Amino acid sequence: GPRAELLGRSLWELYPQVVREQLQARFQRVAAAGEPEAFE
């Protein structure tokens, strides 16, 4: 989809359902603590 439709939405809502909960938890930890994270 066009980028304009992605802007302003929560990041985890853009990804498939199977990864949303894990992505949201990791995003919030990185936003709060500042330590980078990576996962598969």
PDB file of all heavy atoms in Angstrom:
ATOM      1  N   GLY A   1       0.828  -1.208   0.000  1.00  0.00           N
ATOM      2  CA  GLY A   1       0.000   0.000   0.000  1.00  0.00           C
ATOM      3  C   GLY A   1       0.851   1.242   0.000  1.00  0.00           C
ATOM      4  O   GLY A   1       2.044   1.192   0.330  1.00  0.00           O
ATOM      5  N   PRO A   2       0.287   2.406  -0.332  1.00  0.00           N
ATOM      6  CA  PRO A   2       1.068   3.653  -0.344  1.00  0.00           C
ATOM      7  C   PRO A   2       1.496   4.027   1.066  1.00  0.00           C
ATOM      8  O   PRO A   2       0.838   3.723   2.049  1.00  0.00           O
ATOM      9  CB  PRO A   2       0.103   4.676  -0.943  1.00  0.00           C
ATOM     10  CG  PRO A   2      -1.265   4.102  -0.719  1.00  0.00           C
ATOM     11  CD  PRO A   2      -1.101   2.623  -0.769  1.00  0.00           C
ATOM     12  N   ARG A   3       2.628   4.719   1.128  1.00  0.00           N
ATOM     13  CA  ARG A   3       3.174   5.089   2.424  1.00  0.00           C
ATOM     14  C   ARG A   3       2.241   6.005   3.203  1.00  0.00           C
ATOM     15  O   ARG A   3       2.191   5.972   4.430  1.00  0.00           O
ATOM     16  CB  ARG A   3       4.521   5.779   2.240  1.00  0.00           C
ATOM     17  CG  ARG A   3       5.650   4.815   1.990  1.00  0.00           C
ATOM     18  CD  ARG A   3       6.980   5.529   1.971  1.00  0.00           C
ATOM     19  NE  ARG A   3       7.181   6.279   0.718  1.00  0.00           N
ATOM     20  CZ  ARG A   3       8.257   7.018   0.451  1.00  0.00           C
ATOM     21  NH1 ARG A   3       9.210   7.134   1.360  1.00  0.00           N
ATOM     22  NH2 ARG A   3       8.389   7.651  -0.697  1.00  0.00           N
ATOM     23  N   ALA A   4       1.503   6.810   2.498  1.00  0.00           N
ATOM     24  CA  ALA A   4       0.606   7.760   3.169  1.00  0.00           C
ATOM     25  C   ALA A   4      -0.393   7.044   4.068  1.00  0.00           C
ATOM     26  O   ALA A   4      -0.789   7.564   5.119  1.00  0.00           O
ATOM     27  CB  ALA A   4      -0.129   8.605   2.128  1.00  0.00           C
ATOM     28  N   GLU A   5      -0.790   5.825   3.669  1.00  0.00           N
ATOM     29  CA  GLU A   5      -1.746   5.075   4.474  1.00  0.00           C
ATOM     30  C   GLU A   5      -1.110   4.426   5.697  1.00  0.00           C
ATOM     31  O   GLU A   5      -1.808   4.005   6.624  1.00  0.00           O
ATOM     32  CB  GLU A   5      -2.400   3.990   3.620  1.00  0.00           C
ATOM     33  CG  GLU A   5      -3.226   4.554   2.463  1.00  0.00           C
ATOM     34  CD  GLU A   5      -3.862   3.443   1.636  1.00  0.00           C
ATOM     35  OE1 GLU A   5      -3.667   2.251   1.993  1.00  0.00           O
ATOM     36  OE2 GLU A   5      -4.528   3.749   0.637  1.00  0.00           O
ATOM     37  N   LEU A   6       0.234   4.316   5.719  1.00  0.00           N
ATOM     38  CA  LEU A   6       0.925   3.724   6.849  1.00  0.00           C
ATOM     39  C   LEU A   6       1.206   4.729   7.954  1.00  0.00           C
ATOM     40  O   LEU A   6       1.268   4.379   9.122  1.00  0.00           O
ATOM     41  CB  LEU A   6       2.257   3.096   6.388  1.00  0.00           C
ATOM     42  CG  LEU A   6       2.179   2.087   5.240  1.00  0.00           C
ATOM     43  CD1 LEU A   6       3.587   1.584   4.898  1.00  0.00           C
ATOM     44  CD2 LEU A   6       1.291   0.913   5.619  1.00  0.00           C
ATOM     45  N   LEU A   7       1.378   6.000   7.572  1.00  0.00           N
ATOM     46  CA  LEU A   7       1.766   7.032   8.528  1.00  0.00           C
ATOM     47  C   LEU A   7       0.627   7.304   9.499  1.00  0.00           C
ATOM     48  O   LEU A   7      -0.556   7.293   9.138  1.00  0.00           O
ATOM     49  CB  LEU A   7       2.151   8.312   7.795  1.00  0.00           C
ATOM     50  CG  LEU A   7       3.303   8.178   6.776  1.00  0.00           C
ATOM     51  CD1 LEU A   7       3.612   9.510   6.111  1.00  0.00           C
ATOM     52  CD2 LEU A   7       4.549   7.639   7.481  1.00  0.00           C
ATOM     53  N   GLY A   8       1.012   7.506  10.740  1.00  0.00           N
ATOM     54  CA  GLY A   8       0.055   7.813  11.778  1.00  0.00           C
ATOM     55  C   GLY A   8      -0.535   6.597  12.452  1.00  0.00           C
ATOM     56  O   GLY A   8      -1.142   6.707  13.522  1.00  0.00           O
ATOM     57  N   ARG A   9      -0.378   5.425  11.891  1.00  0.00           N
ATOM     58  CA  ARG A   9      -0.925   4.202  12.483  1.00  0.00           C
ATOM     59  C   ARG A   9       0.110   3.584  13.434  1.00  0.00           C
ATOM     60  O   ARG A   9       1.316   3.786  13.295  1.00  0.00           O
ATOM     61  CB  ARG A   9      -1.294   3.203  11.397  1.00  0.00           C
ATOM     62  CG  ARG A   9      -2.368   3.735  10.440  1.00  0.00           C
ATOM     63  CD  ARG A   9      -2.598   2.772   9.305  1.00  0.00           C
ATOM     64  NE  ARG A   9      -3.071   1.470   9.787  1.00  0.00           N
ATOM     65  CZ  ARG A   9      -3.269   0.416   8.985  1.00  0.00           C
ATOM     66  NH1 ARG A   9      -3.034   0.511   7.691  1.00  0.00           N
ATOM     67  NH2 ARG A   9      -3.693  -0.712   9.506  1.00  0.00           N
ATOM     68  N   SER A  10      -0.386   2.789  14.405  1.00  0.00           N
ATOM     69  CA  SER A  10       0.535   2.081  15.298  1.00  0.00           C
ATOM     70  C   SER A  10       1.322   1.046  14.498  1.00  0.00           C
ATOM     71  O   SER A  10       0.750   0.328  13.659  1.00  0.00           O
ATOM     72  CB  SER A  10      -0.234   1.391  16.426  1.00  0.00           C
ATOM     73  OG  SER A  10      -0.861   2.350  17.247  1.00  0.00           O
ATOM     74  N   LEU A  11       2.600   1.015  14.806  1.00  0.00           N
ATOM     75  CA  LEU A  11       3.475   0.157  14.014  1.00  0.00           C
ATOM     76  C   LEU A  11       2.987  -1.289  14.027  1.00  0.00           C
ATOM     77  O   LEU A  11       2.928  -1.950  12.987  1.00  0.00           O
ATOM     78  CB  LEU A  11       4.903   0.232  14.563  1.00  0.00           C
ATOM     79  CG  LEU A  11       5.900  -0.727  13.905  1.00  0.00           C
ATOM     80  CD1 LEU A  11       6.250  -0.260  12.501  1.00  0.00           C
ATOM     81  CD2 LEU A  11       7.159  -0.864  14.749  1.00  0.00           C
ATOM     82  N   TRP A  12       2.661  -1.834  15.182  1.00  0.00           N
ATOM     83  CA  TRP A  12       2.309  -3.255  15.263  1.00  0.00           C
ATOM     84  C   TRP A  12       1.025  -3.603  14.532  1.00  0.00           C
ATOM     85  O   TRP A  12       0.788  -4.728  14.180  1.00  0.00           O
ATOM     86  CB  TRP A  12       2.230  -3.699  16.725  1.00  0.00           C
ATOM     87  CG  TRP A  12       1.558  -2.728  17.637  1.00  0.00           C
ATOM     88  CD1 TRP A  12       0.249  -2.616  17.920  1.00  0.00           C
ATOM     89  CD2 TRP A  12       2.214  -1.710  18.367  1.00  0.00           C
ATOM     90  NE1 TRP A  12       0.016  -1.604  18.791  1.00  0.00           N
ATOM     91  CE2 TRP A  12       1.226  -1.021  19.101  1.00  0.00           C
ATOM     92  CE3 TRP A  12       3.563  -1.298  18.500  1.00  0.00           C
ATOM     93  CZ2 TRP A  12       1.522   0.055  19.941  1.00  0.00           C
ATOM     94  CZ3 TRP A  12       3.831  -0.237  19.336  1.00  0.00           C
ATOM     95  CH2 TRP A  12       2.831   0.430  20.055  1.00  0.00           C
ATOM     96  N   GLU A  13       0.196  -2.561  14.270  1.00  0.00           N
ATOM     97  CA  GLU A  13      -1.030  -2.825  13.506  1.00  0.00           C
ATOM     98  C   GLU A  13      -0.729  -3.080  12.029  1.00  0.00           C
ATOM     99  O   GLU A  13      -1.565  -3.615  11.303  1.00  0.00           O
ATOM    100  CB  GLU A  13      -1.987  -1.638  13.642  1.00  0.00           C
ATOM    101  CG  GLU A  13      -2.520  -1.445  15.056  1.00  0.00           C
ATOM    102  CD  GLU A  13      -3.424  -0.224  15.166  1.00  0.00           C
ATOM    103  OE1 GLU A  13      -3.586   0.469  14.129  1.00  0.00           O
ATOM    104  OE2 GLU A  13      -3.941   0.036  16.256  1.00  0.00           O
ATOM    105  N   LEU A  14       0.468  -2.647  11.583  1.00  0.00           N
ATOM    106  CA  LEU A  14       0.827  -2.836  10.178  1.00  0.00           C
ATOM    107  C   LEU A  14       1.261  -4.278   9.883  1.00  0.00           C
ATOM    108  O   LEU A  14       1.256  -4.701   8.727  1.00  0.00           O
ATOM    109  CB  LEU A  14       1.968  -1.887   9.800  1.00  0.00           C
ATOM    110  CG  LEU A  14       1.716  -0.402  10.057  1.00  0.00           C
ATOM    111  CD1 LEU A  14       2.946   0.396   9.669  1.00  0.00           C
ATOM    112  CD2 LEU A  14       0.479   0.073   9.308  1.00  0.00           C
ATOM    113  N   TYR A  15       1.668  -5.027  10.935  1.00  0.00           N
ATOM    114  CA  TYR A  15       2.216  -6.369  10.768  1.00  0.00           C
ATOM    115  C   TYR A  15       1.130  -7.427  10.952  1.00  0.00           C
ATOM    116  O   TYR A  15       0.069  -7.148  11.535  1.00  0.00           O
ATOM    117  CB  TYR A  15       3.352  -6.592  11.768  1.00  0.00           C
ATOM    118  CG  TYR A  15       4.639  -5.891  11.355  1.00  0.00           C
ATOM    119  CD1 TYR A  15       4.807  -4.537  11.645  1.00  0.00           C
ATOM    120  CD2 TYR A  15       5.643  -6.570  10.676  1.00  0.00           C
ATOM    121  CE1 TYR A  15       5.965  -3.885  11.262  1.00  0.00           C
ATOM    122  CE2 TYR A  15       6.808  -5.928  10.301  1.00  0.00           C
ATOM    123  CZ  TYR A  15       6.960  -4.589  10.588  1.00  0.00           C
ATOM    124  OH  TYR A  15       8.114  -3.940  10.197  1.00  0.00           O
ATOM    125  N   PRO A  16       1.356  -8.653  10.485  1.00  0.00           N
ATOM    126  CA  PRO A  16       0.366  -9.730  10.646  1.00  0.00           C
ATOM    127  C   PRO A  16       0.033  -9.967  12.117  1.00  0.00           C
ATOM    128  O   PRO A  16       0.827  -9.688  13.022  1.00  0.00           O
ATOM    129  CB  PRO A  16       1.059 -10.952  10.028  1.00  0.00           C
ATOM    130  CG  PRO A  16       2.045 -10.371   9.075  1.00  0.00           C
ATOM    131  CD  PRO A  16       2.503  -9.088   9.688  1.00  0.00           C
ATOM    132  N   GLN A  17      -1.147 -10.519  12.356  1.00  0.00           N
ATOM    133  CA  GLN A  17      -1.652 -10.739  13.703  1.00  0.00           C
ATOM    134  C   GLN A  17      -0.691 -11.568  14.559  1.00  0.00           C
ATOM    135  O   GLN A  17      -0.537 -11.337  15.751  1.00  0.00           O
ATOM    136  CB  GLN A  17      -3.006 -11.456  13.624  1.00  0.00           C
ATOM    137  CG  GLN A  17      -3.682 -11.682  14.964  1.00  0.00           C
ATOM    138  CD  GLN A  17      -4.138 -10.388  15.614  1.00  0.00           C
ATOM    139  OE1 GLN A  17      -4.605  -9.477  14.915  1.00  0.00           O
ATOM    140  NE2 GLN A  17      -3.984 -10.273  16.927  1.00  0.00           N
ATOM    141  N   VAL A  18      -0.004 -12.549  13.910  1.00  0.00           N
ATOM    142  CA  VAL A  18       0.831 -13.491  14.646  1.00  0.00           C
ATOM    143  C   VAL A  18       1.995 -12.821  15.363  1.00  0.00           C
ATOM    144  O   VAL A  18       2.506 -13.336  16.353  1.00  0.00           O
ATOM    145  CB  VAL A  18       1.350 -14.591  13.680  1.00  0.00           C
ATOM    146  CG1 VAL A  18       2.336 -14.030  12.674  1.00  0.00           C
ATOM    147  CG2 VAL A  18       1.994 -15.724  14.453  1.00  0.00           C
ATOM    148  N   VAL A  19       2.422 -11.637  14.904  1.00  0.00           N
ATOM    149  CA  VAL A  19       3.594 -10.994  15.476  1.00  0.00           C
ATOM    150  C   VAL A  19       3.254  -9.712  16.236  1.00  0.00           C
ATOM    151  O   VAL A  19       4.126  -9.118  16.869  1.00  0.00           O
ATOM    152  CB  VAL A  19       4.624 -10.717  14.360  1.00  0.00           C
ATOM    153  CG1 VAL A  19       4.213  -9.534  13.508  1.00  0.00           C
ATOM    154  CG2 VAL A  19       6.023 -10.483  14.927  1.00  0.00           C
ATOM    155  N   ARG A  20       2.004  -9.273  16.202  1.00  0.00           N
ATOM    156  CA  ARG A  20       1.652  -7.959  16.764  1.00  0.00           C
ATOM    157  C   ARG A  20       1.961  -7.865  18.257  1.00  0.00           C
ATOM    158  O   ARG A  20       2.583  -6.902  18.719  1.00  0.00           O
ATOM    159  CB  ARG A  20       0.174  -7.680  16.526  1.00  0.00           C
ATOM    160  CG  ARG A  20      -0.139  -7.316  15.085  1.00  0.00           C
ATOM    161  CD  ARG A  20      -1.614  -7.073  14.901  1.00  0.00           C
ATOM    162  NE  ARG A  20      -1.930  -6.865  13.494  1.00  0.00           N
ATOM    163  CZ  ARG A  20      -3.173  -6.696  13.031  1.00  0.00           C
ATOM    164  NH1 ARG A  20      -4.199  -6.717  13.874  1.00  0.00           N
ATOM    165  NH2 ARG A  20      -3.374  -6.505  11.748  1.00  0.00           N
ATOM    166  N   GLU A  21       1.518  -8.859  19.027  1.00  0.00           N
ATOM    167  CA  GLU A  21       1.685  -8.793  20.483  1.00  0.00           C
ATOM    168  C   GLU A  21       3.148  -8.759  20.874  1.00  0.00           C
ATOM    169  O   GLU A  21       3.570  -7.962  21.717  1.00  0.00           O
ATOM    170  CB  GLU A  21       0.989  -9.995  21.131  1.00  0.00           C
ATOM    171  CG  GLU A  21       1.032  -9.949  22.642  1.00  0.00           C
ATOM    172  CD  GLU A  21       0.258 -11.106  23.267  1.00  0.00           C
ATOM    173  OE1 GLU A  21      -0.491 -11.798  22.531  1.00  0.00           O
ATOM    174  OE2 GLU A  21       0.417 -11.334  24.488  1.00  0.00           O
ATOM    175  N   GLN A  22       3.962  -9.617  20.223  1.00  0.00           N
ATOM    176  CA  GLN A  22       5.389  -9.656  20.540  1.00  0.00           C
ATOM    177  C   GLN A  22       6.070  -8.364  20.112  1.00  0.00           C
ATOM    178  O   GLN A  22       6.914  -7.817  20.840  1.00  0.00           O
ATOM    179  CB  GLN A  22       6.055 -10.863  19.864  1.00  0.00           C
ATOM    180  CG  GLN A  22       7.507 -11.045  20.231  1.00  0.00           C
ATOM    181  CD  GLN A  22       8.136 -12.243  19.513  1.00  0.00           C
ATOM    182  OE1 GLN A  22       7.541 -12.798  18.615  1.00  0.00           O
ATOM    183  NE2 GLN A  22       9.329 -12.610  19.924  1.00  0.00           N
ATOM    184  N   LEU A  23       5.701  -7.835  18.935  1.00  0.00           N
ATOM    185  CA  LEU A  23       6.313  -6.610  18.441  1.00  0.00           C
ATOM    186  C   LEU A  23       5.964  -5.426  19.338  1.00  0.00           C
ATOM    187  O   LEU A  23       6.821  -4.589  19.645  1.00  0.00           O
ATOM    188  CB  LEU A  23       5.855  -6.348  17.001  1.00  0.00           C
ATOM    189  CG  LEU A  23       6.350  -5.045  16.358  1.00  0.00           C
ATOM    190  CD1 LEU A  23       7.876  -4.987  16.360  1.00  0.00           C
ATOM    191  CD2 LEU A  23       5.802  -4.902  14.940  1.00  0.00           C
ATOM    192  N   GLN A  24       4.720  -5.349  19.786  1.00  0.00           N
ATOM    193  CA  GLN A  24       4.310  -4.249  20.659  1.00  0.00           C
ATOM    194  C   GLN A  24       5.087  -4.270  21.974  1.00  0.00           C
ATOM    195  O   GLN A  24       5.581  -3.231  22.444  1.00  0.00           O
ATOM    196  CB  GLN A  24       2.811  -4.339  20.939  1.00  0.00           C
ATOM    197  CG  GLN A  24       2.296  -3.196  21.805  1.00  0.00           C
ATOM    198  CD  GLN A  24       0.810  -3.303  22.073  1.00  0.00           C
ATOM    199  OE1 GLN A  24       0.140  -4.241  21.618  1.00  0.00           O
ATOM    200  NE2 GLN A  24       0.251  -2.326  22.795  1.00  0.00           N
ATOM    201  N   ALA A  25       5.227  -5.483  22.560  1.00  0.00           N
ATOM    202  CA  ALA A  25       5.949  -5.587  23.837  1.00  0.00           C
ATOM    203  C   ALA A  25       7.401  -5.174  23.667  1.00  0.00           C
ATOM    204  O   ALA A  25       7.962  -4.443  24.510  1.00  0.00           O
ATOM    205  CB  ALA A  25       5.858  -7.009  24.360  1.00  0.00           C
ATOM    206  N   ARG A  26       8.030  -5.609  22.604  1.00  0.00           N
ATOM    207  CA  ARG A  26       9.439  -5.261  22.379  1.00  0.00           C
ATOM    208  C   ARG A  26       9.577  -3.761  22.068  1.00  0.00           C
ATOM    209  O   ARG A  26      10.535  -3.123  22.511  1.00  0.00           O
ATOM    210  CB  ARG A  26      10.010  -6.111  21.247  1.00  0.00           C
ATOM    211  CG  ARG A  26      10.203  -7.589  21.633  1.00  0.00           C
ATOM    212  CD  ARG A  26      10.692  -8.404  20.447  1.00  0.00           C
ATOM    213  NE  ARG A  26      10.888  -9.799  20.806  1.00  0.00           N
ATOM    214  CZ  ARG A  26      12.026 -10.308  21.292  1.00  0.00           C
ATOM    215  NH1 ARG A  26      13.064  -9.503  21.483  1.00  0.00           N
ATOM    216  NH2 ARG A  26      12.116 -11.574  21.600  1.00  0.00           N
ATOM    217  N   PHE A  27       8.662  -3.230  21.288  1.00  0.00           N
ATOM    218  CA  PHE A  27       8.719  -1.806  20.939  1.00  0.00           C
ATOM    219  C   PHE A  27       8.651  -0.965  22.200  1.00  0.00           C
ATOM    220  O   PHE A  27       9.422  -0.004  22.373  1.00  0.00           O
ATOM    221  CB  PHE A  27       7.558  -1.464  19.992  1.00  0.00           C
ATOM    222  CG  PHE A  27       7.600  -0.057  19.486  1.00  0.00           C
ATOM    223  CD1 PHE A  27       8.168   0.252  18.267  1.00  0.00           C
ATOM    224  CD2 PHE A  27       7.071   1.002  20.256  1.00  0.00           C
ATOM    225  CE1 PHE A  27       8.206   1.572  17.807  1.00  0.00           C
ATOM    226  CE2 PHE A  27       7.127   2.309  19.810  1.00  0.00           C
ATOM    227  CZ  PHE A  27       7.701   2.595  18.585  1.00  0.00           C
ATOM    228  N   GLN A  28       7.730  -1.313  23.072  1.00  0.00           N
ATOM    229  CA  GLN A  28       7.565  -0.524  24.293  1.00  0.00           C
ATOM    230  C   GLN A  28       8.784  -0.629  25.198  1.00  0.00           C
ATOM    231  O   GLN A  28       9.167   0.336  25.853  1.00  0.00           O
ATOM    232  CB  GLN A  28       6.299  -0.980  25.020  1.00  0.00           C
ATOM    233  CG  GLN A  28       5.018  -0.590  24.253  1.00  0.00           C
ATOM    234  CD  GLN A  28       3.774  -1.209  24.856  1.00  0.00           C
ATOM    235  OE1 GLN A  28       3.846  -2.120  25.687  1.00  0.00           O
ATOM    236  NE2 GLN A  28       2.599  -0.722  24.415  1.00  0.00           N
ATOM    237  N   ARG A  29       9.441  -1.810  25.241  1.00  0.00           N
ATOM    238  CA  ARG A  29      10.655  -1.924  26.040  1.00  0.00           C
ATOM    239  C   ARG A  29      11.773  -1.067  25.482  1.00  0.00           C
ATOM    240  O   ARG A  29      12.497  -0.411  26.222  1.00  0.00           O
ATOM    241  CB  ARG A  29      11.110  -3.395  26.088  1.00  0.00           C
ATOM    242  CG  ARG A  29      10.337  -4.236  27.064  1.00  0.00           C
ATOM    243  CD  ARG A  29      11.137  -5.484  27.454  1.00  0.00           C
ATOM    244  NE  ARG A  29      11.505  -6.294  26.315  1.00  0.00           N
ATOM    245  CZ  ARG A  29      10.748  -7.274  25.828  1.00  0.00           C
ATOM    246  NH1 ARG A  29       9.563  -7.539  26.384  1.00  0.00           N
ATOM    247  NH2 ARG A  29      11.161  -7.990  24.811  1.00  0.00           N
ATOM    248  N   VAL A  30      11.926  -1.078  24.139  1.00  0.00           N
ATOM    249  CA  VAL A  30      12.976  -0.275  23.509  1.00  0.00           C
ATOM    250  C   VAL A  30      12.687   1.212  23.726  1.00  0.00           C
ATOM    251  O   VAL A  30      13.593   2.010  24.029  1.00  0.00           O
ATOM    252  CB  VAL A  30      13.073  -0.610  22.013  1.00  0.00           C
ATOM    253  CG1 VAL A  30      14.002   0.376  21.291  1.00  0.00           C
ATOM    254  CG2 VAL A  30      13.588  -2.026  21.827  1.00  0.00           C
ATOM    255  N   ALA A  31      11.419   1.617  23.582  1.00  0.00           N
ATOM    256  CA  ALA A  31      11.047   3.025  23.759  1.00  0.00           C
ATOM    257  C   ALA A  31      11.295   3.486  25.185  1.00  0.00           C
ATOM    258  O   ALA A  31      11.700   4.624  25.428  1.00  0.00           O
ATOM    259  CB  ALA A  31       9.581   3.223  23.387  1.00  0.00           C
ATOM    260  N   ALA A  32      11.091   2.588  26.149  1.00  0.00           N
ATOM    261  CA  ALA A  32      11.243   2.963  27.551  1.00  0.00           C
ATOM    262  C   ALA A  32      12.691   2.884  28.012  1.00  0.00           C
ATOM    263  O   ALA A  32      13.190   3.789  28.696  1.00  0.00           O
ATOM    264  CB  ALA A  32      10.376   2.046  28.422  1.00  0.00           C
ATOM    265  N   ALA A  33      13.383   1.800  27.651  1.00  0.00           N
ATOM    266  CA  ALA A  33      14.731   1.563  28.187  1.00  0.00           C
ATOM    267  C   ALA A  33      15.843   2.041  27.274  1.00  0.00           C
ATOM    268  O   ALA A  33      16.963   2.273  27.712  1.00  0.00           O
ATOM    269  CB  ALA A  33      14.922   0.065  28.467  1.00  0.00           C
ATOM    270  N   GLY A  34      15.573   2.117  25.997  1.00  0.00           N
ATOM    271  CA  GLY A  34      16.596   2.581  25.066  1.00  0.00           C
ATOM    272  C   GLY A  34      17.538   1.513  24.565  1.00  0.00           C
ATOM    273  O   GLY A  34      18.380   1.783  23.702  1.00  0.00           O
ATOM    274  N   GLU A  35      17.438   0.272  25.065  1.00  0.00           N
ATOM    275  CA  GLU A  35      18.301  -0.815  24.610  1.00  0.00           C
ATOM    276  C   GLU A  35      17.735  -1.419  23.332  1.00  0.00           C
ATOM    277  O   GLU A  35      16.545  -1.752  23.266  1.00  0.00           O
ATOM    278  CB  GLU A  35      18.400  -1.902  25.685  1.00  0.00           C
ATOM    279  CG  GLU A  35      19.092  -1.450  26.957  1.00  0.00           C
ATOM    280  CD  GLU A  35      20.544  -1.092  26.719  1.00  0.00           C
ATOM    281  OE1 GLU A  35      21.176  -1.717  25.820  1.00  0.00           O
ATOM    282  OE2 GLU A  35      21.053  -0.191  27.391  1.00  0.00           O
ATOM    283  N   PRO A  36      18.590  -1.581  22.288  1.00  0.00           N
ATOM    284  CA  PRO A  36      18.080  -2.162  21.028  1.00  0.00           C
ATOM    285  C   PRO A  36      17.696  -3.635  21.229  1.00  0.00           C
ATOM    286  O   PRO A  36      18.233  -4.323  22.085  1.00  0.00           O
ATOM    287  CB  PRO A  36      19.253  -2.014  20.072  1.00  0.00           C
ATOM    288  CG  PRO A  36      20.457  -1.939  20.952  1.00  0.00           C
ATOM    289  CD  PRO A  36      20.018  -1.251  22.207  1.00  0.00           C
ATOM    290  N   GLU A  37      16.791  -4.102  20.414  1.00  0.00           N
ATOM    291  CA  GLU A  37      16.353  -5.500  20.441  1.00  0.00           C
ATOM    292  C   GLU A  37      16.186  -5.993  19.013  1.00  0.00           C
ATOM    293  O   GLU A  37      15.940  -5.225  18.090  1.00  0.00           O
ATOM    294  CB  GLU A  37      15.032  -5.678  21.195  1.00  0.00           C
ATOM    295  CG  GLU A  37      15.154  -5.529  22.695  1.00  0.00           C
ATOM    296  CD  GLU A  37      13.961  -6.115  23.440  1.00  0.00           C
ATOM    297  OE1 GLU A  37      13.281  -7.006  22.865  1.00  0.00           O
ATOM    298  OE2 GLU A  37      13.712  -5.701  24.580  1.00  0.00           O
ATOM    299  N   ALA A  38      16.337  -7.316  18.863  1.00  0.00           N
ATOM    300  CA  ALA A  38      16.127  -7.960  17.558  1.00  0.00           C
ATOM    301  C   ALA A  38      15.465  -9.311  17.793  1.00  0.00           C
ATOM    302  O   ALA A  38      15.722  -9.969  18.798  1.00  0.00           O
ATOM    303  CB  ALA A  38      17.454  -8.140  16.827  1.00  0.00           C
ATOM    304  N   PHE A  39      14.593  -9.708  16.889  1.00  0.00           N
ATOM    305  CA  PHE A  39      13.956 -11.024  17.012  1.00  0.00           C
ATOM    306  C   PHE A  39      13.504 -11.510  15.639  1.00  0.00           C
ATOM    307  O   PHE A  39      13.380 -10.729  14.688  1.00  0.00           O
ATOM    308  CB  PHE A  39      12.779 -10.979  17.997  1.00  0.00           C
ATOM    309  CG  PHE A  39      11.570 -10.218  17.514  1.00  0.00           C
ATOM    310  CD1 PHE A  39      10.485 -10.887  16.955  1.00  0.00           C
ATOM    311  CD2 PHE A  39      11.518  -8.836  17.626  1.00  0.00           C
ATOM    312  CE1 PHE A  39       9.375 -10.183  16.524  1.00  0.00           C
ATOM    313  CE2 PHE A  39      10.402  -8.132  17.192  1.00  0.00           C
ATOM    314  CZ  PHE A  39       9.333  -8.809  16.636  1.00  0.00           C
ATOM    315  N   GLU A  40      13.275 -12.844  15.583  1.00  0.00           N
ATOM    316  CA  GLU A  40      12.827 -13.502  14.356  1.00  0.00           C
ATOM    317  C   GLU A  40      11.383 -13.928  14.511  1.00  0.00           C
ATOM    318  O   GLU A  40      10.942 -14.282  15.603  1.00  0.00           O
ATOM    319  CB  GLU A  40      13.675 -14.759  14.087  1.00  0.00           C
ATOM    320  CG  GLU A  40      14.743 -14.569  13.053  1.00  0.00           C
ATOM    321  CD  GLU A  40      15.496 -15.886  12.777  1.00  0.00           C
ATOM    322  OE1 GLU A  40      15.160 -16.917  13.376  1.00  0.00           O
ATOM    323  OE2 GLU A  40      16.412 -15.835  11.964  1.00  0.00           O
TER     324      GLU A  40
END
